[in-house]
Amino acid sequence: MTLYAVELKITNTFSSYLLADSNEDAEQEMKRRAAQLAPDSVVFDASSYRMESCEHCGEEHFGPVCRKPAASVIRPSWERAQL
C-alpha cells in the first residue's frame, strides 16, 4: 500500500431568475435559495498525489519527484497551507 494525498473539488451550478433592486441583492437572494435548490450540474475534479521518495532532495513528498530544488515541489493545497 502507498500513501496518497487526494484533493476533490466539487463545483455546483445553480441558476434561477429573480427580481431584485440591485446586483448585490440578487446575489444574496440566490445564495439563500441555493441552499434549497438541486444543482443544475455537479462537476467533480479529483487530483491524487502519491507519496514518493525524491531522487533530487532525498526526502519523501507528495507529487512527482522534484527535478528542481525542494522549495518548488508541487504539493496539494492543504499541504502547501501548512508550510
N, C-alpha and C. Protein backbone atom coordinates (compact mmCIF):
# COMPACT_ATOMS: atom_id res chain seq x y z
N MET A 1 0.84 -1.18 0.00
CA MET A 1 0.00 0.00 0.00
C MET A 1 0.89 1.25 0.00
N THR A 2 0.39 2.29 -0.64
CA THR A 2 1.12 3.54 -0.76
C THR A 2 0.23 4.68 -0.27
N LEU A 3 0.81 5.64 0.39
CA LEU A 3 0.08 6.81 0.87
C LEU A 3 -0.13 7.79 -0.26
N TYR A 4 -1.37 8.27 -0.41
CA TYR A 4 -1.71 9.27 -1.41
C TYR A 4 -2.39 10.45 -0.74
N ALA A 5 -2.14 11.64 -1.25
CA ALA A 5 -2.91 12.83 -0.87
C ALA A 5 -3.88 13.08 -2.02
N VAL A 6 -5.17 13.22 -1.72
CA VAL A 6 -6.17 13.41 -2.76
C VAL A 6 -6.96 14.68 -2.49
N GLU A 7 -7.05 15.54 -3.49
CA GLU A 7 -7.88 16.74 -3.41
C GLU A 7 -9.10 16.51 -4.28
N LEU A 8 -10.29 16.80 -3.75
CA LEU A 8 -11.53 16.67 -4.51
C LEU A 8 -12.21 18.03 -4.51
N LYS A 9 -12.35 18.61 -5.68
CA LYS A 9 -13.02 19.90 -5.81
C LYS A 9 -14.39 19.64 -6.41
N ILE A 10 -15.43 20.09 -5.73
CA ILE A 10 -16.80 19.89 -6.19
C ILE A 10 -17.39 21.25 -6.51
N THR A 11 -17.81 21.42 -7.74
CA THR A 11 -18.40 22.68 -8.18
C THR A 11 -19.84 22.43 -8.57
N ASN A 12 -20.75 23.16 -7.95
CA ASN A 12 -22.17 23.05 -8.27
C ASN A 12 -22.60 24.31 -9.03
N THR A 13 -23.48 24.13 -9.98
CA THR A 13 -24.01 25.26 -10.72
C THR A 13 -25.50 25.39 -10.43
N PHE A 14 -25.89 26.58 -10.00
CA PHE A 14 -27.29 26.87 -9.72
C PHE A 14 -27.70 28.05 -10.60
N SER A 15 -28.88 27.97 -11.17
CA SER A 15 -29.37 29.12 -11.95
C SER A 15 -30.83 29.36 -11.61
N SER A 16 -31.21 30.61 -11.60
CA SER A 16 -32.57 30.98 -11.27
C SER A 16 -32.83 32.38 -11.80
N TYR A 17 -34.07 32.69 -12.02
CA TYR A 17 -34.47 34.05 -12.41
C TYR A 17 -35.15 34.67 -11.22
N LEU A 18 -34.77 35.92 -10.89
CA LEU A 18 -35.40 36.59 -9.77
C LEU A 18 -35.37 38.09 -9.96
N LEU A 19 -36.32 38.76 -9.33
CA LEU A 19 -36.39 40.22 -9.34
C LEU A 19 -35.66 40.74 -8.11
N ALA A 20 -34.85 41.77 -8.30
CA ALA A 20 -34.12 42.36 -7.19
C ALA A 20 -33.87 43.83 -7.47
N ASP A 21 -33.55 44.57 -6.40
CA ASP A 21 -33.29 46.00 -6.54
C ASP A 21 -31.88 46.30 -7.03
N SER A 22 -30.95 45.37 -6.82
CA SER A 22 -29.57 45.60 -7.24
C SER A 22 -28.89 44.26 -7.49
N ASN A 23 -27.72 44.33 -8.09
CA ASN A 23 -26.92 43.14 -8.35
C ASN A 23 -26.57 42.43 -7.05
N GLU A 24 -26.21 43.20 -6.03
CA GLU A 24 -25.85 42.62 -4.73
C GLU A 24 -27.05 41.92 -4.09
N ASP A 25 -28.24 42.56 -4.19
CA ASP A 25 -29.45 41.93 -3.65
C ASP A 25 -29.76 40.62 -4.38
N ALA A 26 -29.58 40.62 -5.69
CA ALA A 26 -29.84 39.42 -6.48
C ALA A 26 -28.88 38.29 -6.07
N GLU A 27 -27.60 38.62 -5.89
CA GLU A 27 -26.62 37.61 -5.49
C GLU A 27 -26.92 37.06 -4.10
N GLN A 28 -27.28 37.92 -3.17
CA GLN A 28 -27.60 37.47 -1.81
C GLN A 28 -28.83 36.57 -1.81
N GLU A 29 -29.85 36.95 -2.58
CA GLU A 29 -31.06 36.13 -2.66
C GLU A 29 -30.75 34.77 -3.29
N MET A 30 -29.89 34.76 -4.32
CA MET A 30 -29.54 33.49 -4.96
C MET A 30 -28.75 32.60 -4.01
N LYS A 31 -27.87 33.16 -3.21
CA LYS A 31 -27.13 32.37 -2.22
C LYS A 31 -28.09 31.73 -1.22
N ARG A 32 -29.13 32.49 -0.83
CA ARG A 32 -30.11 31.96 0.11
C ARG A 32 -30.90 30.82 -0.54
N ARG A 33 -31.30 31.02 -1.79
CA ARG A 33 -32.07 29.99 -2.49
C ARG A 33 -31.24 28.74 -2.80
N ALA A 34 -29.96 28.91 -3.06
CA ALA A 34 -29.10 27.79 -3.46
C ALA A 34 -29.09 26.68 -2.42
N ALA A 35 -29.24 27.04 -1.16
CA ALA A 35 -29.25 26.04 -0.10
C ALA A 35 -30.47 25.11 -0.22
N GLN A 36 -31.50 25.56 -0.94
CA GLN A 36 -32.73 24.77 -1.06
C GLN A 36 -32.91 24.17 -2.46
N LEU A 37 -32.04 24.49 -3.40
CA LEU A 37 -32.18 24.04 -4.77
C LEU A 37 -31.37 22.78 -5.04
N ALA A 38 -31.80 22.02 -6.03
CA ALA A 38 -30.97 20.93 -6.55
C ALA A 38 -30.09 21.56 -7.62
N PRO A 39 -28.81 21.25 -7.64
CA PRO A 39 -27.92 21.88 -8.62
C PRO A 39 -28.26 21.47 -10.06
N ASP A 40 -28.04 22.41 -10.99
CA ASP A 40 -28.22 22.12 -12.42
C ASP A 40 -27.15 21.15 -12.89
N SER A 41 -25.96 21.28 -12.34
CA SER A 41 -24.86 20.38 -12.69
C SER A 41 -23.89 20.30 -11.54
N VAL A 42 -23.18 19.20 -11.46
CA VAL A 42 -22.16 18.99 -10.44
C VAL A 42 -20.91 18.51 -11.15
N VAL A 43 -19.78 19.17 -10.89
CA VAL A 43 -18.52 18.81 -11.53
C VAL A 43 -17.56 18.35 -10.45
N PHE A 44 -17.02 17.16 -10.63
CA PHE A 44 -16.02 16.63 -9.71
C PHE A 44 -14.67 16.69 -10.39
N ASP A 45 -13.69 17.26 -9.73
CA ASP A 45 -12.33 17.32 -10.25
C ASP A 45 -11.41 16.77 -9.18
N ALA A 46 -10.84 15.61 -9.40
CA ALA A 46 -10.00 14.97 -8.39
C ALA A 46 -8.56 14.91 -8.86
N SER A 47 -7.65 15.14 -7.95
CA SER A 47 -6.22 15.03 -8.21
C SER A 47 -5.61 14.24 -7.07
N SER A 48 -4.81 13.24 -7.41
CA SER A 48 -4.15 12.46 -6.36
C SER A 48 -2.65 12.59 -6.52
N TYR A 49 -1.97 12.58 -5.40
CA TYR A 49 -0.53 12.73 -5.37
C TYR A 49 0.05 11.59 -4.54
N ARG A 50 0.89 10.78 -5.13
CA ARG A 50 1.49 9.65 -4.44
C ARG A 50 2.69 10.12 -3.61
N MET A 51 2.84 9.56 -2.41
CA MET A 51 4.00 9.84 -1.58
C MET A 51 5.19 9.13 -2.22
N GLU A 52 6.19 9.90 -2.62
CA GLU A 52 7.34 9.34 -3.32
C GLU A 52 8.64 9.80 -2.69
N SER A 53 9.63 8.97 -2.81
CA SER A 53 10.98 9.34 -2.39
C SER A 53 11.60 10.13 -3.53
N CYS A 54 12.11 11.29 -3.22
CA CYS A 54 12.63 12.20 -4.24
C CYS A 54 14.09 11.87 -4.56
N GLU A 55 14.38 11.71 -5.84
CA GLU A 55 15.74 11.44 -6.27
C GLU A 55 16.63 12.67 -6.14
N HIS A 56 16.01 13.86 -6.15
CA HIS A 56 16.79 15.10 -6.11
C HIS A 56 17.13 15.53 -4.68
N CYS A 57 16.11 15.60 -3.82
CA CYS A 57 16.34 16.13 -2.47
C CYS A 57 16.50 15.03 -1.43
N GLY A 58 16.17 13.77 -1.79
CA GLY A 58 16.33 12.67 -0.86
C GLY A 58 15.21 12.52 0.16
N GLU A 59 14.23 13.43 0.15
CA GLU A 59 13.12 13.36 1.09
C GLU A 59 11.90 12.77 0.40
N GLU A 60 10.88 12.43 1.21
CA GLU A 60 9.62 11.95 0.65
C GLU A 60 8.62 13.10 0.65
N HIS A 61 7.89 13.21 -0.45
CA HIS A 61 6.85 14.22 -0.52
C HIS A 61 5.80 13.77 -1.51
N PHE A 62 4.62 14.44 -1.50
CA PHE A 62 3.54 14.13 -2.43
C PHE A 62 3.83 14.76 -3.78
N GLY A 63 3.39 14.10 -4.81
CA GLY A 63 3.55 14.64 -6.14
C GLY A 63 4.72 14.04 -6.86
N PRO A 64 4.98 14.53 -8.06
CA PRO A 64 6.10 13.99 -8.83
C PRO A 64 7.42 14.30 -8.14
N VAL A 65 8.38 13.42 -8.36
CA VAL A 65 9.70 13.70 -7.77
C VAL A 65 10.21 15.01 -8.35
N CYS A 66 10.80 15.81 -7.52
CA CYS A 66 11.22 17.14 -7.98
C CYS A 66 12.51 17.04 -8.78
N ARG A 67 12.58 17.83 -9.81
CA ARG A 67 13.80 17.93 -10.61
C ARG A 67 14.48 19.26 -10.33
N LYS A 68 13.82 20.07 -9.54
CA LYS A 68 14.33 21.39 -9.16
C LYS A 68 14.52 21.38 -7.65
N PRO A 69 14.99 22.45 -7.06
CA PRO A 69 15.13 22.50 -5.60
C PRO A 69 13.82 22.16 -4.89
N ALA A 70 13.91 21.58 -3.71
CA ALA A 70 12.75 21.09 -2.97
C ALA A 70 11.69 22.17 -2.74
N ALA A 71 12.06 23.44 -2.74
CA ALA A 71 11.10 24.52 -2.49
C ALA A 71 10.04 24.60 -3.58
N SER A 72 10.32 24.07 -4.77
CA SER A 72 9.36 24.19 -5.87
C SER A 72 8.56 22.92 -6.11
N VAL A 73 8.56 22.00 -5.15
CA VAL A 73 7.82 20.74 -5.29
C VAL A 73 6.32 21.03 -5.35
N ILE A 74 5.63 20.35 -6.25
CA ILE A 74 4.18 20.50 -6.33
C ILE A 74 3.56 19.77 -5.15
N ARG A 75 2.73 20.45 -4.41
CA ARG A 75 2.09 19.85 -3.24
C ARG A 75 0.60 20.17 -3.27
N PRO A 76 -0.23 19.30 -2.69
CA PRO A 76 -1.66 19.63 -2.60
C PRO A 76 -1.86 20.91 -1.79
N SER A 77 -2.95 21.61 -2.06
CA SER A 77 -3.19 22.91 -1.41
C SER A 77 -3.19 22.82 0.10
N TRP A 78 -3.77 21.73 0.68
CA TRP A 78 -3.81 21.63 2.14
C TRP A 78 -2.40 21.44 2.70
N GLU A 79 -1.51 20.79 1.94
CA GLU A 79 -0.14 20.61 2.41
C GLU A 79 0.62 21.92 2.28
N ARG A 80 0.38 22.67 1.18
CA ARG A 80 1.05 23.97 1.00
C ARG A 80 0.65 24.93 2.12
N ALA A 81 -0.60 24.84 2.56
CA ALA A 81 -1.09 25.76 3.60
C ALA A 81 -0.36 25.54 4.92
N GLN A 82 0.17 24.33 5.13
CA GLN A 82 0.86 24.04 6.38
C GLN A 82 2.32 24.47 6.35
N LEU A 83 2.84 24.81 5.17
CA LEU A 83 4.26 25.20 5.07
C LEU A 83 4.51 26.58 5.62
